[in-house]
Amino acid sequence: MPEISRFFGIVIYMNWREHPPAHFHAVYGEHEALITLDGKVYSGNLPARVLSLVREWLALHRDELALDWKLAQELKPINPIDPLE
């Protein structure tokens, strides 16, 4: 699963040939959640503070994530996205 970004111990991934809805994976320690591009938890869970940071990052990079989703669906290389600072 290609890594897109990493910040504060959170790793963001996106798979090729993923299923709808458009989403990414956020992993923090033993926690993992699938987050849709509108910020909803599709599956899994993250600690509240971690989810808040992921949503803050998502708000800053929504367009880049949408492009990565499109590229992944076309089986093309996806682009890294700047971390939350």
C-alpha atoms as a PDB file:
ATOM      1  CA  MET A   1       0.000   0.000   0.000  1.00  0.00           C
ATOM      2  CA  PRO A   2       1.706   3.254  -1.088  1.00  0.00           C
ATOM      3  CA  GLU A   3       2.426   5.759   1.644  1.00  0.00           C
ATOM      4  CA  ILE A   4       1.189   9.270   0.888  1.00  0.00           C
ATOM      5  CA  SER A   5       2.161  11.165   4.031  1.00  0.00           C
ATOM      6  CA  ARG A   6       3.504  10.732   7.569  1.00  0.00           C
ATOM      7  CA  PHE A   7       3.159  13.127  10.514  1.00  0.00           C
ATOM      8  CA  PHE A   8       3.013  12.914  14.325  1.00  0.00           C
ATOM      9  CA  GLY A   9       3.234   9.119  14.193  1.00  0.00           C
ATOM     10  CA  ILE A  10       0.304   8.910  11.747  1.00  0.00           C
ATOM     11  CA  VAL A  11       0.867   7.204   8.400  1.00  0.00           C
ATOM     12  CA  ILE A  12      -1.478   7.872   5.476  1.00  0.00           C
ATOM     13  CA  TYR A  13      -1.817   5.266   2.708  1.00  0.00           C
ATOM     14  CA  MET A  14      -3.904   4.766  -0.411  1.00  0.00           C
ATOM     15  CA  ASN A  15      -4.311   1.512  -2.321  1.00  0.00           C
ATOM     16  CA  TRP A  16      -4.518   1.032  -6.052  1.00  0.00           C
ATOM     17  CA  ARG A  17      -7.770  -0.549  -7.235  1.00  0.00           C
ATOM     18  CA  GLU A  18      -9.578   0.546  -4.077  1.00  0.00           C
ATOM     19  CA  HIS A  19     -13.313   0.247  -3.738  1.00  0.00           C
ATOM     20  CA  PRO A  20     -15.664   3.230  -3.467  1.00  0.00           C
ATOM     21  CA  PRO A  21     -16.209   5.498  -1.691  1.00  0.00           C
ATOM     22  CA  ALA A  22     -13.026   7.479  -2.278  1.00  0.00           C
ATOM     23  CA  HIS A  23     -10.952   7.095   0.879  1.00  0.00           C
ATOM     24  CA  PHE A  24      -7.512   6.740   2.407  1.00  0.00           C
ATOM     25  CA  HIS A  25      -6.103   4.688   5.264  1.00  0.00           C
ATOM     26  CA  ALA A  26      -4.785   6.384   8.400  1.00  0.00           C
ATOM     27  CA  VAL A  27      -2.666   4.234  10.731  1.00  0.00           C
ATOM     28  CA  TYR A  28      -1.550   5.208  14.217  1.00  0.00           C
ATOM     29  CA  GLY A  29       0.116   2.442  16.214  1.00  0.00           C
ATOM     30  CA  GLU A  30      -2.342  -0.453  16.403  1.00  0.00           C
ATOM     31  CA  HIS A  31      -5.236   1.759  15.253  1.00  0.00           C
ATOM     32  CA  GLU A  32      -6.357   2.047  11.629  1.00  0.00           C
ATOM     33  CA  ALA A  33      -9.273   3.822  10.006  1.00  0.00           C
ATOM     34  CA  LEU A  34     -10.502   4.310   6.474  1.00  0.00           C
ATOM     35  CA  ILE A  35     -11.407   7.978   6.055  1.00  0.00           C
ATOM     36  CA  THR A  36     -13.543   9.266   3.185  1.00  0.00           C
ATOM     37  CA  LEU A  37     -12.570  12.468   1.414  1.00  0.00           C
ATOM     38  CA  ASP A  38     -15.365  14.277   3.268  1.00  0.00           C
ATOM     39  CA  GLY A  39     -13.762  13.308   6.598  1.00  0.00           C
ATOM     40  CA  LYS A  40     -16.076  10.502   7.691  1.00  0.00           C
ATOM     41  CA  VAL A  41     -14.721   7.329   9.256  1.00  0.00           C
ATOM     42  CA  TYR A  42     -15.732   4.623   6.800  1.00  0.00           C
ATOM     43  CA  SER A  43     -14.265   1.753   8.804  1.00  0.00           C
ATOM     44  CA  GLY A  44     -12.054   1.245  11.842  1.00  0.00           C
ATOM     45  CA  ASN A  45     -11.157   3.775  14.494  1.00  0.00           C
ATOM     46  CA  LEU A  46      -8.517   6.198  15.674  1.00  0.00           C
ATOM     47  CA  PRO A  47      -8.063   7.978  18.999  1.00  0.00           C
ATOM     48  CA  ALA A  48     -10.031  11.249  19.028  1.00  0.00           C
ATOM     49  CA  ARG A  49      -6.954  13.513  18.958  1.00  0.00           C
ATOM     50  CA  VAL A  50      -5.418  11.551  16.082  1.00  0.00           C
ATOM     51  CA  LEU A  51      -8.667  11.681  14.096  1.00  0.00           C
ATOM     52  CA  SER A  52      -8.764  15.431  14.651  1.00  0.00           C
ATOM     53  CA  LEU A  53      -5.228  15.788  13.246  1.00  0.00           C
ATOM     54  CA  VAL A  54      -6.081  13.593  10.255  1.00  0.00           C
ATOM     55  CA  ARG A  55      -9.158  15.705   9.510  1.00  0.00           C
ATOM     56  CA  GLU A  56      -7.102  18.896   9.811  1.00  0.00           C
ATOM     57  CA  TRP A  57      -4.599  17.470   7.315  1.00  0.00           C
ATOM     58  CA  LEU A  58      -7.451  16.355   5.036  1.00  0.00           C
ATOM     59  CA  ALA A  59      -8.939  19.866   5.006  1.00  0.00           C
ATOM     60  CA  LEU A  60      -5.607  21.237   3.789  1.00  0.00           C
ATOM     61  CA  HIS A  61      -5.046  18.580   1.112  1.00  0.00           C
ATOM     62  CA  ARG A  62      -8.485  17.462  -0.104  1.00  0.00           C
ATOM     63  CA  ASP A  63      -7.795  18.343  -3.759  1.00  0.00           C
ATOM     64  CA  GLU A  64      -4.458  16.502  -3.731  1.00  0.00           C
ATOM     65  CA  LEU A  65      -6.138  13.441  -2.205  1.00  0.00           C
ATOM     66  CA  ALA A  66      -8.859  13.518  -4.848  1.00  0.00           C
ATOM     67  CA  LEU A  67      -6.163  13.577  -7.540  1.00  0.00           C
ATOM     68  CA  ASP A  68      -4.339  10.666  -5.874  1.00  0.00           C
ATOM     69  CA  TRP A  69      -7.613   8.709  -5.745  1.00  0.00           C
ATOM     70  CA  LYS A  70      -8.109   9.291  -9.473  1.00  0.00           C
ATOM     71  CA  LEU A  71      -4.523   8.245 -10.230  1.00  0.00           C
ATOM     72  CA  ALA A  72      -4.866   5.111  -8.103  1.00  0.00           C
ATOM     73  CA  GLN A  73      -8.056   4.134  -9.907  1.00  0.00           C
ATOM     74  CA  GLU A  74      -6.133   4.459 -13.183  1.00  0.00           C
ATOM     75  CA  LEU A  75      -3.287   2.326 -11.716  1.00  0.00           C
ATOM     76  CA  LYS A  76      -0.880   5.256 -12.060  1.00  0.00           C
ATOM     77  CA  PRO A  77       1.709   6.325  -9.488  1.00  0.00           C
ATOM     78  CA  ILE A  78       0.252   8.460  -6.728  1.00  0.00           C
ATOM     79  CA  ASN A  79       1.854  11.607  -5.400  1.00  0.00           C
ATOM     80  CA  PRO A  80       3.190  12.194  -1.899  1.00  0.00           C
ATOM     81  CA  ILE A  81       1.401  14.907   0.085  1.00  0.00           C
ATOM     82  CA  ASP A  82       3.032  17.264   2.558  1.00  0.00           C
ATOM     83  CA  PRO A  83       2.626  16.345   6.217  1.00  0.00           C
ATOM     84  CA  LEU A  84       0.769  18.369   8.797  1.00  0.00           C
ATOM     85  CA  GLU A  85       3.212  20.649  10.597  1.00  0.00           C
END
